[in-house]
């Protein structure tokens, strides 16, 4: 499977998790409290980082690709970092960079929807 990846800086992680969970129609797959959250849908790998000084700015784009061997990053002609990684490699990078994620407990609204 290949998913487009986009990572954004946000002002407040918790508020952003609420907003993006509604927009994507699902809770994040992984959360590192106060720092990071990531969603995986059929087509998209979307992550956010709490960086108030860069709120709303693009951190990087790329592809989550099950055929990737390792993690690569390169910068395009416009200065945008592009990453390519497998699901396993991204999960490892999250732990090494941000800490061990917790999987969010479903809210009452999540249970009603499902």
Protein backbone atom coordinates (compact mmCIF):
# COMPACT_ATOMS: atom_id res chain seq x y z
CA UNK A 1 0.00 0.00 0.00
CA UNK A 2 1.14 3.54 -0.73
CA UNK A 3 -0.24 6.58 1.10
CA UNK A 4 0.49 10.26 0.59
CA UNK A 5 2.09 11.74 3.72
CA UNK A 6 1.76 15.29 4.99
CA UNK A 7 3.00 16.68 8.30
CA UNK A 8 1.93 20.04 9.75
CA UNK A 9 3.01 22.14 12.71
CA UNK A 10 0.14 23.11 15.03
CA UNK A 11 -0.33 25.57 17.89
CA UNK A 12 -2.16 23.23 20.27
CA UNK A 13 -2.07 19.46 19.92
CA UNK A 14 -5.31 18.63 21.75
CA UNK A 15 -7.41 21.22 19.92
CA UNK A 16 -5.89 20.12 16.62
CA UNK A 17 -6.57 16.43 17.36
CA UNK A 18 -10.24 17.25 17.91
CA UNK A 19 -10.45 19.29 14.70
CA UNK A 20 -8.58 16.88 12.42
CA UNK A 21 -10.37 13.83 13.85
CA UNK A 22 -13.66 15.41 12.75
CA UNK A 23 -12.25 16.32 9.34
CA UNK A 24 -10.80 12.85 8.74
CA UNK A 25 -13.75 11.00 10.31
CA UNK A 26 -11.62 8.98 12.71
CA UNK A 27 -9.39 9.39 15.77
CA UNK A 28 -5.61 9.38 15.35
CA UNK A 29 -3.90 6.03 15.23
CA UNK A 30 -1.13 7.21 17.54
CA UNK A 31 -0.63 10.11 19.95
CA UNK A 32 2.45 11.16 21.90
CA UNK A 33 0.94 13.37 24.60
CA UNK A 34 1.62 17.07 24.10
CA UNK A 35 3.84 16.49 21.07
CA UNK A 36 2.58 14.43 18.13
CA UNK A 37 -0.43 12.73 16.53
CA UNK A 38 -0.81 10.64 13.37
CA UNK A 39 -3.76 9.37 11.34
CA UNK A 40 -3.70 6.68 8.66
CA UNK A 41 -6.58 6.46 6.20
CA UNK A 42 -6.82 4.45 2.99
CA UNK A 43 -5.06 7.18 1.00
CA UNK A 44 -3.43 9.46 3.58
CA UNK A 45 -0.82 9.43 6.31
CA UNK A 46 -1.37 12.71 8.16
CA UNK A 47 0.63 13.84 11.16
CA UNK A 48 0.81 16.93 13.33
CA UNK A 49 3.47 18.23 15.70
CA UNK A 50 2.93 20.78 18.42
CA UNK A 51 5.18 23.65 17.37
CA UNK A 52 3.32 26.90 18.19
CA UNK A 53 6.02 29.07 16.64
CA UNK A 54 5.46 27.31 13.26
CA UNK A 55 1.69 26.78 13.52
CA UNK A 56 0.06 26.17 10.14
CA UNK A 57 3.34 25.53 8.36
CA UNK A 58 4.21 22.45 6.39
CA UNK A 59 6.84 20.24 8.05
CA UNK A 60 7.24 17.70 5.24
CA UNK A 61 5.44 15.62 2.63
CA UNK A 62 6.15 12.28 1.05
CA UNK A 63 4.93 8.70 0.85
CA UNK A 64 4.33 5.88 3.28
CA UNK A 65 5.16 2.93 1.06
CA UNK A 66 5.19 -0.69 2.18
CA UNK A 67 7.88 -1.36 -0.43
CA UNK A 68 10.25 1.24 1.07
CA UNK A 69 13.36 -0.19 2.66
CA UNK A 70 14.26 2.21 5.42
CA UNK A 71 13.66 5.93 5.70
CA UNK A 72 14.77 8.51 3.14
CA UNK A 73 14.45 12.27 3.05
CA UNK A 74 15.37 14.74 0.35
CA UNK A 75 14.56 18.39 -0.32
CA UNK A 76 12.84 19.43 -3.55
CA UNK A 77 13.63 22.52 -5.67
CA UNK A 78 11.34 24.64 -3.46
CA UNK A 79 12.94 23.61 -0.18
CA UNK A 80 10.17 21.19 0.80
CA UNK A 81 11.39 18.02 2.57
CA UNK A 82 10.06 14.81 0.96
CA UNK A 83 10.19 11.59 2.98
CA UNK A 84 9.66 7.96 1.98
CA UNK A 85 9.24 5.22 4.55
CA UNK A 86 7.42 2.00 5.37
CA UNK A 87 4.74 1.79 8.05
CA UNK A 88 7.13 -0.06 10.35
CA UNK A 89 9.91 2.47 9.75
CA UNK A 90 7.63 5.42 10.52
CA UNK A 91 6.42 3.80 13.72
CA UNK A 92 10.05 3.33 14.78
CA UNK A 93 10.93 6.94 13.85
CA UNK A 94 7.99 8.21 15.93
CA UNK A 95 9.25 6.34 18.99
CA UNK A 96 12.84 7.52 18.48
CA UNK A 97 11.84 11.16 17.85
CA UNK A 98 8.82 11.77 20.09
CA UNK A 99 8.50 8.84 22.48
CA UNK A 100 6.17 5.88 22.74
CA UNK A 101 2.71 6.73 21.38
CA UNK A 102 -0.49 5.86 23.15
CA UNK A 103 -3.48 4.70 21.21
CA UNK A 104 -6.38 6.99 22.01
CA UNK A 105 -9.28 5.63 24.00
CA UNK A 106 -12.47 5.96 21.95
CA UNK A 107 -14.83 8.70 23.09
CA UNK A 108 -18.56 8.17 23.54
CA UNK A 109 -19.12 9.87 20.17
CA UNK A 110 -16.70 7.41 18.51
CA UNK A 111 -18.61 4.47 19.97
CA UNK A 112 -21.98 5.87 18.86
CA UNK A 113 -20.67 6.46 15.29
CA UNK A 114 -19.41 2.92 15.02
